[in-house]
Structure formats: C-alpha cells, structure tokens
C-alpha atoms as a PDB file:
ATOM      1  CA  UNK A   1       4.073  18.108 -11.399  1.00  0.00           C
ATOM      2  CA  UNK A   2       3.465  20.090 -14.612  1.00  0.00           C
ATOM      3  CA  UNK A   3      -0.256  20.339 -13.784  1.00  0.00           C
ATOM      4  CA  UNK A   4      -1.518  17.634 -16.164  1.00  0.00           C
ATOM      5  CA  UNK A   5      -4.779  16.364 -14.638  1.00  0.00           C
ATOM      6  CA  UNK A   6      -4.676  13.182 -16.750  1.00  0.00           C
ATOM      7  CA  UNK A   7      -1.253  12.380 -15.326  1.00  0.00           C
ATOM      8  CA  UNK A   8      -2.643  12.629 -11.797  1.00  0.00           C
ATOM      9  CA  UNK A   9      -5.505  10.289 -12.758  1.00  0.00           C
ATOM     10  CA  UNK A  10      -2.923   7.740 -13.931  1.00  0.00           C
ATOM     11  CA  UNK A  11      -0.965   8.322 -10.724  1.00  0.00           C
ATOM     12  CA  UNK A  12      -4.078   7.661  -8.592  1.00  0.00           C
ATOM     13  CA  UNK A  13      -4.893   4.558 -10.632  1.00  0.00           C
ATOM     14  CA  UNK A  14      -1.365   3.243 -10.044  1.00  0.00           C
ATOM     15  CA  UNK A  15      -1.176   3.989  -6.301  1.00  0.00           C
ATOM     16  CA  UNK A  16      -4.768   3.723  -5.028  1.00  0.00           C
ATOM     17  CA  UNK A  17      -4.851  -0.047  -4.452  1.00  0.00           C
ATOM     18  CA  UNK A  18      -1.318  -0.101  -3.021  1.00  0.00           C
ATOM     19  CA  UNK A  19      -2.072   2.687  -0.550  1.00  0.00           C
ATOM     20  CA  UNK A  20      -5.379   1.094   0.447  1.00  0.00           C
ATOM     21  CA  UNK A  21      -3.801  -2.336   1.050  1.00  0.00           C
ATOM     22  CA  UNK A  22      -0.945  -0.833   3.044  1.00  0.00           C
ATOM     23  CA  UNK A  23      -3.405   1.280   5.064  1.00  0.00           C
ATOM     24  CA  UNK A  24      -5.717  -1.654   5.721  1.00  0.00           C
ATOM     25  CA  UNK A  25      -2.891  -3.746   7.114  1.00  0.00           C
ATOM     26  CA  UNK A  26      -1.547  -0.812   9.128  1.00  0.00           C
ATOM     27  CA  UNK A  27      -4.896   0.423  10.470  1.00  0.00           C
ATOM     28  CA  UNK A  28      -6.610  -2.945  10.806  1.00  0.00           C
ATOM     29  CA  UNK A  29     -10.051  -1.703   9.743  1.00  0.00           C
ATOM     30  CA  UNK A  30     -11.483  -1.205   6.276  1.00  0.00           C
ATOM     31  CA  UNK A  31     -13.216   2.052   7.223  1.00  0.00           C
ATOM     32  CA  UNK A  32      -9.993   3.563   8.560  1.00  0.00           C
ATOM     33  CA  UNK A  33      -8.041   2.322   5.536  1.00  0.00           C
ATOM     34  CA  UNK A  34     -10.494   3.936   3.127  1.00  0.00           C
ATOM     35  CA  UNK A  35     -10.173   7.245   4.972  1.00  0.00           C
ATOM     36  CA  UNK A  36      -6.387   6.995   5.075  1.00  0.00           C
ATOM     37  CA  UNK A  37      -6.120   6.165   1.375  1.00  0.00           C
ATOM     38  CA  UNK A  38      -8.331   9.114   0.491  1.00  0.00           C
ATOM     39  CA  UNK A  39      -6.463  11.453   2.863  1.00  0.00           C
ATOM     40  CA  UNK A  40      -3.133  10.272   1.456  1.00  0.00           C
ATOM     41  CA  UNK A  41      -4.101  10.878  -2.167  1.00  0.00           C
ATOM     42  CA  UNK A  42      -5.514  14.288  -1.295  1.00  0.00           C
ATOM     43  CA  UNK A  43      -2.331  15.237   0.595  1.00  0.00           C
ATOM     44  CA  UNK A  44      -0.190  13.983  -2.308  1.00  0.00           C
ATOM     45  CA  UNK A  45      -2.219  16.093  -4.743  1.00  0.00           C
ATOM     46  CA  UNK A  46      -1.903  19.164  -2.535  1.00  0.00           C
ATOM     47  CA  UNK A  47       1.827  18.610  -1.928  1.00  0.00           C
ATOM     48  CA  UNK A  48       3.134  17.641  -5.373  1.00  0.00           C
ATOM     49  CA  UNK A  49       4.984  20.950  -5.587  1.00  0.00           C
ATOM     50  CA  UNK A  50       7.028  19.883  -2.520  1.00  0.00           C
ATOM     51  CA  UNK A  51       8.336  16.711  -4.201  1.00  0.00           C
ATOM     52  CA  UNK A  52      11.981  17.519  -4.907  1.00  0.00           C
ATOM     53  CA  UNK A  53      13.072  14.155  -6.305  1.00  0.00           C
ATOM     54  CA  UNK A  54      10.426  12.767  -8.707  1.00  0.00           C
ATOM     55  CA  UNK A  55      12.329   9.475  -9.015  1.00  0.00           C
ATOM     56  CA  UNK A  56      11.657   8.921  -5.288  1.00  0.00           C
ATOM     57  CA  UNK A  57       7.900   9.373  -5.525  1.00  0.00           C
ATOM     58  CA  UNK A  58       7.084   5.908  -4.101  1.00  0.00           C
ATOM     59  CA  UNK A  59       8.858   6.386  -0.755  1.00  0.00           C
ATOM     60  CA  UNK A  60       7.411   9.911  -0.570  1.00  0.00           C
ATOM     61  CA  UNK A  61       3.842   8.620  -1.086  1.00  0.00           C
ATOM     62  CA  UNK A  62       4.246   5.887   1.521  1.00  0.00           C
ATOM     63  CA  UNK A  63       5.702   8.348   4.007  1.00  0.00           C
ATOM     64  CA  UNK A  64       2.522  10.403   3.617  1.00  0.00           C
ATOM     65  CA  UNK A  65       0.410   7.230   3.938  1.00  0.00           C
ATOM     66  CA  UNK A  66       2.291   6.201   7.065  1.00  0.00           C
ATOM     67  CA  UNK A  67       1.739   9.577   8.678  1.00  0.00           C
ATOM     68  CA  UNK A  68      -1.956   9.478   7.747  1.00  0.00           C
ATOM     69  CA  UNK A  69      -2.209   5.999   9.317  1.00  0.00           C
ATOM     70  CA  UNK A  70      -0.604   7.205  12.524  1.00  0.00           C
ATOM     71  CA  UNK A  71      -2.960  10.175  12.729  1.00  0.00           C
ATOM     72  CA  UNK A  72      -5.988   7.986  11.976  1.00  0.00           C
ATOM     73  CA  UNK A  73      -4.915   5.432  14.538  1.00  0.00           C
ATOM     74  CA  UNK A  74      -4.782   8.049  17.271  1.00  0.00           C
ATOM     75  CA  UNK A  75      -8.346   9.140  16.514  1.00  0.00           C
ATOM     76  CA  UNK A  76      -9.902   5.821  15.499  1.00  0.00           C
ATOM     77  CA  UNK A  77     -12.570   4.030  17.489  1.00  0.00           C
ATOM     78  CA  UNK A  78     -10.833   0.853  16.299  1.00  0.00           C
ATOM     79  CA  UNK A  79      -7.453   1.715  17.840  1.00  0.00           C
ATOM     80  CA  UNK A  80      -6.261  -0.994  20.240  1.00  0.00           C
ATOM     81  CA  UNK A  81      -6.335  -0.234  23.953  1.00  0.00           C
ATOM     82  CA  UNK A  82      -2.705  -1.307  24.237  1.00  0.00           C
ATOM     83  CA  UNK A  83       0.195  -2.295  22.011  1.00  0.00           C
ATOM     84  CA  UNK A  84       1.218  -5.941  22.006  1.00  0.00           C
ATOM     85  CA  UNK A  85       4.780  -6.979  22.687  1.00  0.00           C
ATOM     86  CA  UNK A  86       6.725  -8.549  19.837  1.00  0.00           C
ATOM     87  CA  UNK A  87       7.927 -11.207  22.305  1.00  0.00           C
ATOM     88  CA  UNK A  88       4.420 -12.696  22.168  1.00  0.00           C
ATOM     89  CA  UNK A  89       4.971 -13.486  18.496  1.00  0.00           C
ATOM     90  CA  UNK A  90       8.491 -14.934  18.562  1.00  0.00           C
ATOM     91  CA  UNK A  91       9.031 -18.549  17.440  1.00  0.00           C
ATOM     92  CA  UNK A  92       9.316 -21.271  20.078  1.00  0.00           C
ATOM     93  CA  UNK A  93      12.821 -22.510  20.838  1.00  0.00           C
ATOM     94  CA  UNK A  94      13.814 -26.081  21.590  1.00  0.00           C
ATOM     95  CA  UNK A  95      17.111 -26.812  23.328  1.00  0.00           C
ATOM     96  CA  UNK A  96      18.430 -30.091  21.926  1.00  0.00           C
ATOM     97  CA  UNK A  97      21.996 -31.246  22.151  1.00  0.00           C
ATOM     98  CA  UNK A  98      23.161 -28.108  23.935  1.00  0.00           C
ATOM     99  CA  UNK A  99      22.089 -25.620  21.256  1.00  0.00           C
ATOM    100  CA  UNK A 100      18.877 -23.770  20.476  1.00  0.00           C
ATOM    101  CA  UNK A 101      16.801 -24.840  17.496  1.00  0.00           C
ATOM    102  CA  UNK A 102      13.776 -23.012  16.079  1.00  0.00           C
ATOM    103  CA  UNK A 103      10.636 -25.132  15.850  1.00  0.00           C
ATOM    104  CA  UNK A 104       9.288 -24.410  12.381  1.00  0.00           C
ATOM    105  CA  UNK A 105       6.449 -26.365  10.827  1.00  0.00           C
ATOM    106  CA  UNK A 106       7.083 -28.530   7.766  1.00  0.00           C
ATOM    107  CA  UNK A 107       4.813 -27.008   5.112  1.00  0.00           C
ATOM    108  CA  UNK A 108       5.510 -29.529   2.365  1.00  0.00           C
ATOM    109  CA  UNK A 109       2.848 -31.882   1.105  1.00  0.00           C
ATOM    110  CA  UNK A 110      -0.207 -29.925   2.259  1.00  0.00           C
ATOM    111  CA  UNK A 111      -3.522 -30.978   0.643  1.00  0.00           C
ATOM    112  CA  UNK A 112      -5.995 -28.646  -1.051  1.00  0.00           C
ATOM    113  CA  UNK A 113      -3.400 -26.066  -1.946  1.00  0.00           C
ATOM    114  CA  UNK A 114      -5.737 -23.350  -3.235  1.00  0.00           C
ATOM    115  CA  UNK A 115      -7.924 -23.381  -0.136  1.00  0.00           C
ATOM    116  CA  UNK A 116      -4.869 -23.431   2.080  1.00  0.00           C
ATOM    117  CA  UNK A 117      -3.274 -20.537   0.194  1.00  0.00           C
ATOM    118  CA  UNK A 118      -6.390 -18.436   0.647  1.00  0.00           C
ATOM    119  CA  UNK A 119      -6.596 -19.319   4.342  1.00  0.00           C
ATOM    120  CA  UNK A 120      -2.875 -18.751   4.805  1.00  0.00           C
ATOM    121  CA  UNK A 121      -3.140 -15.330   3.172  1.00  0.00           C
ATOM    122  CA  UNK A 122      -5.810 -14.440   5.742  1.00  0.00           C
ATOM    123  CA  UNK A 123      -3.614 -15.757   8.556  1.00  0.00           C
ATOM    124  CA  UNK A 124      -0.627 -13.798   7.249  1.00  0.00           C
ATOM    125  CA  UNK A 125      -2.680 -10.606   6.893  1.00  0.00           C
ATOM    126  CA  UNK A 126      -4.006 -11.070  10.429  1.00  0.00           C
ATOM    127  CA  UNK A 127      -0.492 -11.778  11.773  1.00  0.00           C
ATOM    128  CA  UNK A 128       0.818  -8.633  10.090  1.00  0.00           C
ATOM    129  CA  UNK A 129      -2.055  -6.543  11.414  1.00  0.00           C
ATOM    130  CA  UNK A 130      -1.336  -7.766  14.970  1.00  0.00           C
ATOM    131  CA  UNK A 131       2.321  -6.724  14.860  1.00  0.00           C
ATOM    132  CA  UNK A 132       3.335  -3.636  16.835  1.00  0.00           C
ATOM    133  CA  UNK A 133       3.260  -0.607  14.523  1.00  0.00           C
ATOM    134  CA  UNK A 134       7.031  -0.124  14.331  1.00  0.00           C
ATOM    135  CA  UNK A 135       7.547  -3.699  13.083  1.00  0.00           C
ATOM    136  CA  UNK A 136       4.446  -3.722  10.878  1.00  0.00           C
ATOM    137  CA  UNK A 137       5.466  -0.572   9.008  1.00  0.00           C
ATOM    138  CA  UNK A 138       8.925  -1.968   8.208  1.00  0.00           C
ATOM    139  CA  UNK A 139       7.533  -5.312   7.029  1.00  0.00           C
ATOM    140  CA  UNK A 140       4.910  -3.678   4.807  1.00  0.00           C
ATOM    141  CA  UNK A 141       7.358  -1.247   3.241  1.00  0.00           C
ATOM    142  CA  UNK A 142      10.009  -3.876   2.526  1.00  0.00           C
ATOM    143  CA  UNK A 143       8.019  -7.014   1.722  1.00  0.00           C
ATOM    144  CA  UNK A 144       4.714  -5.729   0.409  1.00  0.00           C
ATOM    145  CA  UNK A 145       5.712  -2.472  -1.277  1.00  0.00           C
ATOM    146  CA  UNK A 146       9.226  -3.722  -2.082  1.00  0.00           C
ATOM    147  CA  UNK A 147      10.981  -0.526  -1.044  1.00  0.00           C
ATOM    148  CA  UNK A 148      14.713  -0.893  -0.527  1.00  0.00           C
ATOM    149  CA  UNK A 149      16.211  -0.930   2.958  1.00  0.00           C
ATOM    150  CA  UNK A 150      17.524   2.589   2.356  1.00  0.00           C
ATOM    151  CA  UNK A 151      14.139   3.875   1.120  1.00  0.00           C
ATOM    152  CA  UNK A 152      12.362   2.260   4.069  1.00  0.00           C
ATOM    153  CA  UNK A 153      14.857   3.817   6.483  1.00  0.00           C
ATOM    154  CA  UNK A 154      14.277   7.237   4.925  1.00  0.00           C
ATOM    155  CA  UNK A 155      10.471   6.925   5.017  1.00  0.00           C
ATOM    156  CA  UNK A 156      10.467   5.812   8.653  1.00  0.00           C
ATOM    157  CA  UNK A 157      13.346   8.029   9.847  1.00  0.00           C
ATOM    158  CA  UNK A 158      15.399   5.021  10.966  1.00  0.00           C
ATOM    159  CA  UNK A 159      18.888   3.734  10.311  1.00  0.00           C
ATOM    160  CA  UNK A 160      19.287   0.898   7.846  1.00  0.00           C
ATOM    161  CA  UNK A 161      20.465  -1.378  10.662  1.00  0.00           C
ATOM    162  CA  UNK A 162      17.278  -0.723  12.638  1.00  0.00           C
ATOM    163  CA  UNK A 163      15.200  -1.467   9.522  1.00  0.00           C
ATOM    164  CA  UNK A 164      17.029  -4.772   9.024  1.00  0.00           C
ATOM    165  CA  UNK A 165      16.585  -5.757  12.681  1.00  0.00           C
ATOM    166  CA  UNK A 166      12.899  -4.877  12.772  1.00  0.00           C
ATOM    167  CA  UNK A 167      12.283  -6.623   9.448  1.00  0.00           C
ATOM    168  CA  UNK A 168      13.953  -9.789  10.720  1.00  0.00           C
ATOM    169  CA  UNK A 169      11.935  -9.763  13.945  1.00  0.00           C
ATOM    170  CA  UNK A 170       8.690  -8.999  12.129  1.00  0.00           C
ATOM    171  CA  UNK A 171       9.255 -11.879   9.692  1.00  0.00           C
ATOM    172  CA  UNK A 172       9.961 -14.234  12.602  1.00  0.00           C
ATOM    173  CA  UNK A 173       6.772 -13.128  14.338  1.00  0.00           C
ATOM    174  CA  UNK A 174       4.655 -13.657  11.217  1.00  0.00           C
ATOM    175  CA  UNK A 175       6.329 -17.018  10.647  1.00  0.00           C
ATOM    176  CA  UNK A 176       5.468 -18.031  14.211  1.00  0.00           C
ATOM    177  CA  UNK A 177       1.793 -17.131  13.716  1.00  0.00           C
ATOM    178  CA  UNK A 178       1.717 -19.089  10.465  1.00  0.00           C
ATOM    179  CA  UNK A 179       3.463 -21.973  12.168  1.00  0.00           C
ATOM    180  CA  UNK A 180       0.874 -21.976  14.980  1.00  0.00           C
ATOM    181  CA  UNK A 181      -1.929 -21.977  12.412  1.00  0.00           C
ATOM    182  CA  UNK A 182      -0.422 -24.906  10.523  1.00  0.00           C
ATOM    183  CA  UNK A 183       0.086 -26.902  13.722  1.00  0.00           C
ATOM    184  CA  UNK A 184      -3.346 -26.261  15.255  1.00  0.00           C
ATOM    185  CA  UNK A 185      -6.135 -24.942  12.994  1.00  0.00           C
ATOM    186  CA  UNK A 186      -8.079 -27.889  11.712  1.00  0.00           C
ATOM    187  CA  UNK A 187      -5.182 -30.152  12.613  1.00  0.00           C
ATOM    188  CA  UNK A 188      -3.903 -29.860   9.047  1.00  0.00           C
ATOM    189  CA  UNK A 189      -0.241 -30.082   9.865  1.00  0.00           C
ATOM    190  CA  UNK A 190      -0.489 -32.020  13.095  1.00  0.00           C
ATOM    191  CA  UNK A 191      -2.513 -34.850  11.500  1.00  0.00           C
ATOM    192  CA  UNK A 192      -0.238 -34.805   8.448  1.00  0.00           C
ATOM    193  CA  UNK A 193       2.908 -35.170  10.560  1.00  0.00           C
ATOM    194  CA  UNK A 194       1.361 -37.971  12.631  1.00  0.00           C
ATOM    195  CA  UNK A 195       0.624 -39.917   9.462  1.00  0.00           C
ATOM    196  CA  UNK A 196      -3.185 -39.784   9.825  1.00  0.00           C
END
C-alpha cells in the first residue's frame, strides 16, 4: 500500500497459487483459471488504494477472484450449458426401523493408500468442480482457503446462516460423490466389504 514493489512481489508469491487453485476449481478449466488468476492479481494491484482494512486482505482478494471467475464463466467457451441441481449430489437415504439413515461408505482399511489418496483427490476436485457455483464458492472459501464463516459471508454477500447451510449441503454432495467412487470405481470398496 506504501508503493513498495518488492512487497507486491511477495504478495503475488503468497497468493498466486491460492488464487489459481481456487479459480481452477471454480472455473473448471486450466485456461480460464490462468486468465482469472492473472486478472485477479492485476485488479488487486490496480485497486490496492481501495483496501480500507489491510488485516482483511485475504477476503478482499478472494472477492476479486470470485468476481473475475463469474465474469470469465459468462464469457468462457467452457461454461456449462446448464447448471446442475444440488439434489443430484445428495447422499442416498435408507429408511430402516422407521427413521432415515445416510448410507456412507466405510473408508477404513483401504489398500494402496498413496494411490487411493491421489485418486481420491482427483475425485474430490471433480466433485467440487461439478457443484453449482453458489455451493462451490462457499465450500472453497471455507474449506480450501479457510476463511471464517463471517469472512465468507462478507465476500459472497450472504448471511452467515446461508453460508453454513450451503457449506453443509456442499460437503454432503462431495461426500456422496466420494462415496459413489469408493463403492463403484474399480470395486475397491465393494469387493472389500464383501470380503473378496
């Protein structure tokens, strides 16, 4: 803010990867994410004089990144033809004994942990990228960037209660996708639970 170019270099070094990762998950395409990250850093540089609360720089930067993602998404050749409903991602329910019970996979005892972790990271990233934008943005801000509920609400212009609700639903949707992967892909979980 005092015009120190070296300080901005350190700022870019600190935020570049975070903004790119957030943008990639929000936009869904590397090319769009690169553009968004560059646009965000340029806008931040041009707008530093508008930052009134330096201690809140992180939420301010991600608000700019979010807006850049939304603008890019509107113009992108990669933009989806239609938004998916969150209901498509909700966990399956089983009604046993008169009450509903979530069907969640048992993830304990999985073989080849490193390979599975890498594959699961890809599945999680894909599940996040498939979320509707309003759920995806909350999940990324809270769980990936570790902004507080209040900061996330301020960045997204939402109430804290809406942030909490969307975060809960987004986590359930991602959990469902991960659960489906563990039950079906390669039969890892299904063969494990059958004792094969």
